[in-house]
Amino acid sequence: MPALWIAHVTVTDAEAYGKYAELAGPAIAKHGGEFVARGGRFVQLEGKERPRNVVARFPSVEAAVECYNSSDYQAALDHARGASERELMVVETSE
């Protein structure tokens, strides 16, 4: 079943986070991920508001987790650590 990778982000260092974004996109695509939403308009109805929200669709939960654990994504993530506050989850869809 397909899965969604959902990230809620507050960027605290735009330069470092920009390097993360530059490297993360290709890593996500390499593992079958396709962006559905990336920093667009949103309405926060509950919970902690984060100004950047990203959703990517993967072929499966396993593919999304494999991407996260991959050396190429972890190399990208090194730039986000200390440059952002984030929550990230993977949710299987009902499709």
N, C-alpha and C. Protein backbone atom coordinates (compact mmCIF):
# COMPACT_ATOMS: atom_id res chain seq x y z
N MET A 1 0.83 -1.19 0.00
CA MET A 1 0.00 0.00 0.00
C MET A 1 0.88 1.25 0.00
N PRO A 2 0.48 2.29 -0.72
CA PRO A 2 1.24 3.54 -0.71
C PRO A 2 1.28 4.14 0.70
N ALA A 3 2.24 5.03 0.89
CA ALA A 3 2.39 5.69 2.18
C ALA A 3 2.76 7.15 1.96
N LEU A 4 2.40 7.97 2.94
CA LEU A 4 2.75 9.38 2.92
C LEU A 4 3.80 9.67 3.97
N TRP A 5 4.82 10.41 3.57
CA TRP A 5 5.88 10.92 4.44
C TRP A 5 5.44 12.34 4.75
N ILE A 6 5.19 12.66 5.99
CA ILE A 6 4.65 13.96 6.38
C ILE A 6 5.61 14.63 7.34
N ALA A 7 6.10 15.80 6.95
CA ALA A 7 7.05 16.55 7.78
C ALA A 7 6.47 17.92 8.11
N HIS A 8 6.60 18.31 9.37
CA HIS A 8 6.22 19.64 9.84
C HIS A 8 7.50 20.28 10.35
N VAL A 9 7.86 21.45 9.82
CA VAL A 9 9.20 21.99 10.05
C VAL A 9 9.16 23.48 10.38
N THR A 10 9.99 23.86 11.35
CA THR A 10 10.34 25.26 11.59
C THR A 10 11.83 25.38 11.29
N VAL A 11 12.18 26.17 10.31
CA VAL A 11 13.57 26.36 9.91
C VAL A 11 14.19 27.42 10.82
N THR A 12 15.35 27.10 11.41
CA THR A 12 16.05 28.04 12.28
C THR A 12 17.35 28.54 11.67
N ASP A 13 17.83 27.89 10.62
CA ASP A 13 19.04 28.31 9.89
C ASP A 13 18.78 28.04 8.42
N ALA A 14 18.36 29.09 7.70
CA ALA A 14 17.92 28.94 6.31
C ALA A 14 19.04 28.43 5.40
N GLU A 15 20.26 28.87 5.61
CA GLU A 15 21.36 28.45 4.74
C GLU A 15 21.62 26.94 4.87
N ALA A 16 21.74 26.47 6.09
CA ALA A 16 21.99 25.04 6.31
C ALA A 16 20.79 24.21 5.85
N TYR A 17 19.59 24.70 6.12
CA TYR A 17 18.41 23.94 5.72
C TYR A 17 18.27 23.90 4.20
N GLY A 18 18.72 24.95 3.54
CA GLY A 18 18.71 24.96 2.08
C GLY A 18 19.58 23.86 1.51
N LYS A 19 20.71 23.59 2.14
CA LYS A 19 21.58 22.49 1.71
C LYS A 19 20.88 21.15 1.92
N TYR A 20 20.18 21.02 3.06
CA TYR A 20 19.38 19.81 3.31
C TYR A 20 18.38 19.60 2.16
N ALA A 21 17.61 20.65 1.84
CA ALA A 21 16.58 20.53 0.82
C ALA A 21 17.17 20.17 -0.54
N GLU A 22 18.33 20.73 -0.84
CA GLU A 22 19.02 20.45 -2.10
C GLU A 22 19.38 18.97 -2.22
N LEU A 23 19.78 18.36 -1.12
CA LEU A 23 20.19 16.95 -1.14
C LEU A 23 19.02 15.99 -0.88
N ALA A 24 18.05 16.41 -0.09
CA ALA A 24 16.95 15.52 0.29
C ALA A 24 16.04 15.19 -0.89
N GLY A 25 15.76 16.17 -1.74
CA GLY A 25 14.87 15.93 -2.88
C GLY A 25 15.33 14.76 -3.75
N PRO A 26 16.58 14.76 -4.21
CA PRO A 26 17.06 13.63 -5.01
C PRO A 26 17.06 12.31 -4.24
N ALA A 27 17.37 12.35 -2.95
CA ALA A 27 17.36 11.11 -2.15
C ALA A 27 15.95 10.54 -2.07
N ILE A 28 14.98 11.41 -1.87
CA ILE A 28 13.58 10.98 -1.79
C ILE A 28 13.14 10.39 -3.14
N ALA A 29 13.46 11.07 -4.23
CA ALA A 29 13.10 10.58 -5.57
C ALA A 29 13.76 9.24 -5.86
N LYS A 30 15.01 9.08 -5.45
CA LYS A 30 15.75 7.83 -5.68
C LYS A 30 15.05 6.64 -5.05
N HIS A 31 14.30 6.88 -3.99
CA HIS A 31 13.61 5.81 -3.27
C HIS A 31 12.12 5.74 -3.61
N GLY A 32 11.75 6.35 -4.73
CA GLY A 32 10.37 6.25 -5.20
C GLY A 32 9.43 7.29 -4.65
N GLY A 33 9.95 8.28 -3.92
CA GLY A 33 9.10 9.32 -3.35
C GLY A 33 8.80 10.41 -4.35
N GLU A 34 7.57 10.91 -4.30
CA GLU A 34 7.13 12.02 -5.14
C GLU A 34 6.47 13.05 -4.24
N PHE A 35 6.85 14.31 -4.38
CA PHE A 35 6.27 15.36 -3.54
C PHE A 35 4.82 15.62 -3.92
N VAL A 36 3.98 15.70 -2.91
CA VAL A 36 2.56 16.02 -3.07
C VAL A 36 2.34 17.47 -2.65
N ALA A 37 2.99 17.89 -1.59
CA ALA A 37 2.90 19.26 -1.08
C ALA A 37 4.26 19.63 -0.51
N ARG A 38 4.65 20.88 -0.73
CA ARG A 38 5.99 21.30 -0.32
C ARG A 38 5.96 22.78 0.03
N GLY A 39 5.68 23.06 1.30
CA GLY A 39 5.74 24.44 1.77
C GLY A 39 4.62 25.33 1.29
N GLY A 40 3.51 24.77 0.85
CA GLY A 40 2.41 25.58 0.35
C GLY A 40 1.53 26.16 1.46
N ARG A 41 0.51 26.82 1.03
CA ARG A 41 -0.46 27.43 1.94
C ARG A 41 -1.10 26.36 2.81
N PHE A 42 -1.33 26.68 4.09
CA PHE A 42 -1.96 25.73 5.00
C PHE A 42 -2.79 26.48 6.04
N VAL A 43 -3.67 25.74 6.69
CA VAL A 43 -4.46 26.26 7.79
C VAL A 43 -4.24 25.32 8.96
N GLN A 44 -3.68 25.83 10.05
CA GLN A 44 -3.44 25.02 11.25
C GLN A 44 -4.72 24.99 12.07
N LEU A 45 -5.28 23.82 12.26
CA LEU A 45 -6.53 23.69 13.02
C LEU A 45 -6.29 23.21 14.44
N GLU A 46 -5.27 22.40 14.66
CA GLU A 46 -4.94 21.89 15.99
C GLU A 46 -3.45 21.67 16.08
N GLY A 47 -2.93 21.61 17.30
CA GLY A 47 -1.54 21.27 17.53
C GLY A 47 -0.58 22.41 17.26
N LYS A 48 0.71 22.07 17.31
CA LYS A 48 1.78 23.06 17.13
C LYS A 48 1.92 23.43 15.66
N GLU A 49 1.86 24.72 15.40
CA GLU A 49 2.01 25.20 14.03
C GLU A 49 3.48 25.23 13.62
N ARG A 50 3.78 24.69 12.47
CA ARG A 50 5.10 24.76 11.86
C ARG A 50 4.91 25.43 10.50
N PRO A 51 5.73 26.43 10.16
CA PRO A 51 5.51 27.18 8.93
C PRO A 51 5.80 26.43 7.63
N ARG A 52 6.53 25.30 7.71
CA ARG A 52 6.82 24.52 6.50
C ARG A 52 6.28 23.11 6.68
N ASN A 53 5.50 22.68 5.71
CA ASN A 53 4.89 21.35 5.75
C ASN A 53 5.16 20.67 4.41
N VAL A 54 5.62 19.43 4.49
CA VAL A 54 5.99 18.70 3.28
C VAL A 54 5.33 17.32 3.31
N VAL A 55 4.74 16.93 2.19
CA VAL A 55 4.15 15.60 2.05
C VAL A 55 4.72 14.97 0.79
N ALA A 56 5.22 13.74 0.94
CA ALA A 56 5.70 12.98 -0.22
C ALA A 56 5.01 11.62 -0.20
N ARG A 57 4.68 11.13 -1.38
CA ARG A 57 4.06 9.81 -1.51
C ARG A 57 5.14 8.80 -1.90
N PHE A 58 5.13 7.67 -1.20
CA PHE A 58 6.06 6.56 -1.47
C PHE A 58 5.25 5.32 -1.83
N PRO A 59 5.87 4.35 -2.50
CA PRO A 59 5.16 3.13 -2.85
C PRO A 59 4.69 2.32 -1.64
N SER A 60 5.37 2.47 -0.49
CA SER A 60 5.02 1.70 0.70
C SER A 60 5.66 2.35 1.93
N VAL A 61 5.20 1.95 3.11
CA VAL A 61 5.83 2.39 4.36
C VAL A 61 7.29 1.97 4.35
N GLU A 62 7.54 0.75 3.91
CA GLU A 62 8.90 0.23 3.91
C GLU A 62 9.83 1.07 3.02
N ALA A 63 9.33 1.49 1.86
CA ALA A 63 10.14 2.31 0.96
C ALA A 63 10.47 3.66 1.60
N ALA A 64 9.50 4.24 2.30
CA ALA A 64 9.73 5.53 2.97
C ALA A 64 10.74 5.39 4.10
N VAL A 65 10.63 4.34 4.88
CA VAL A 65 11.56 4.11 5.99
C VAL A 65 12.95 3.78 5.44
N GLU A 66 13.01 3.02 4.36
CA GLU A 66 14.30 2.72 3.72
C GLU A 66 14.95 4.01 3.24
N CYS A 67 14.17 4.91 2.67
CA CYS A 67 14.70 6.20 2.25
C CYS A 67 15.28 6.95 3.44
N TYR A 68 14.51 7.04 4.52
CA TYR A 68 14.96 7.77 5.70
C TYR A 68 16.29 7.22 6.21
N ASN A 69 16.42 5.92 6.23
CA ASN A 69 17.62 5.27 6.77
C ASN A 69 18.78 5.19 5.77
N SER A 70 18.55 5.59 4.53
CA SER A 70 19.59 5.49 3.50
C SER A 70 20.73 6.47 3.77
N SER A 71 21.90 6.12 3.29
CA SER A 71 23.07 6.98 3.49
C SER A 71 22.89 8.33 2.80
N ASP A 72 22.23 8.35 1.63
CA ASP A 72 22.06 9.63 0.94
C ASP A 72 21.10 10.55 1.68
N TYR A 73 20.01 10.01 2.23
CA TYR A 73 19.10 10.87 2.99
C TYR A 73 19.74 11.30 4.32
N GLN A 74 20.44 10.40 4.97
CA GLN A 74 21.10 10.75 6.24
C GLN A 74 22.16 11.83 6.02
N ALA A 75 22.83 11.80 4.88
CA ALA A 75 23.80 12.87 4.56
C ALA A 75 23.08 14.20 4.43
N ALA A 76 21.90 14.20 3.81
CA ALA A 76 21.10 15.42 3.71
C ALA A 76 20.64 15.87 5.09
N LEU A 77 20.18 14.91 5.88
CA LEU A 77 19.64 15.21 7.20
C LEU A 77 20.68 15.84 8.13
N ASP A 78 21.94 15.53 7.91
CA ASP A 78 23.00 16.16 8.71
C ASP A 78 22.92 17.68 8.65
N HIS A 79 22.45 18.22 7.52
CA HIS A 79 22.34 19.68 7.36
C HIS A 79 21.09 20.24 8.05
N ALA A 80 20.08 19.41 8.25
CA ALA A 80 18.85 19.87 8.90
C ALA A 80 18.96 19.85 10.42
N ARG A 81 19.79 18.95 10.93
CA ARG A 81 19.97 18.87 12.38
C ARG A 81 20.62 20.16 12.86
N GLY A 82 20.02 20.79 13.84
CA GLY A 82 20.53 22.05 14.33
C GLY A 82 20.09 23.24 13.49
N ALA A 83 19.46 22.99 12.35
CA ALA A 83 18.98 24.06 11.48
C ALA A 83 17.46 24.10 11.40
N SER A 84 16.83 23.19 12.17
CA SER A 84 15.36 23.13 12.12
C SER A 84 14.84 22.36 13.33
N GLU A 85 13.56 22.60 13.58
CA GLU A 85 12.78 21.78 14.53
C GLU A 85 11.78 21.05 13.66
N ARG A 86 11.71 19.72 13.80
CA ARG A 86 10.91 18.93 12.86
C ARG A 86 10.16 17.80 13.54
N GLU A 87 9.05 17.47 12.96
CA GLU A 87 8.36 16.22 13.23
C GLU A 87 8.22 15.53 11.88
N LEU A 88 8.45 14.23 11.86
CA LEU A 88 8.35 13.47 10.61
C LEU A 88 7.67 12.14 10.91
N MET A 89 6.71 11.79 10.09
CA MET A 89 6.02 10.51 10.24
C MET A 89 5.75 9.93 8.88
N VAL A 90 5.53 8.62 8.86
CA VAL A 90 5.11 7.92 7.65
C VAL A 90 3.78 7.26 7.98
N VAL A 91 2.80 7.47 7.09
CA VAL A 91 1.46 6.94 7.30
C VAL A 91 1.03 6.17 6.06
N GLU A 92 0.61 4.92 6.27
CA GLU A 92 0.10 4.13 5.15
C GLU A 92 -1.25 4.68 4.72
N THR A 93 -1.46 4.77 3.41
CA THR A 93 -2.74 5.27 2.90
C THR A 93 -3.72 4.11 2.76
N SER A 94 -4.95 4.43 2.52
CA SER A 94 -5.98 3.41 2.38
C SER A 94 -6.23 3.06 0.92
N GLU A 95 -5.38 3.52 0.02
CA GLU A 95 -5.56 3.24 -1.42
C GLU A 95 -5.20 1.82 -1.74
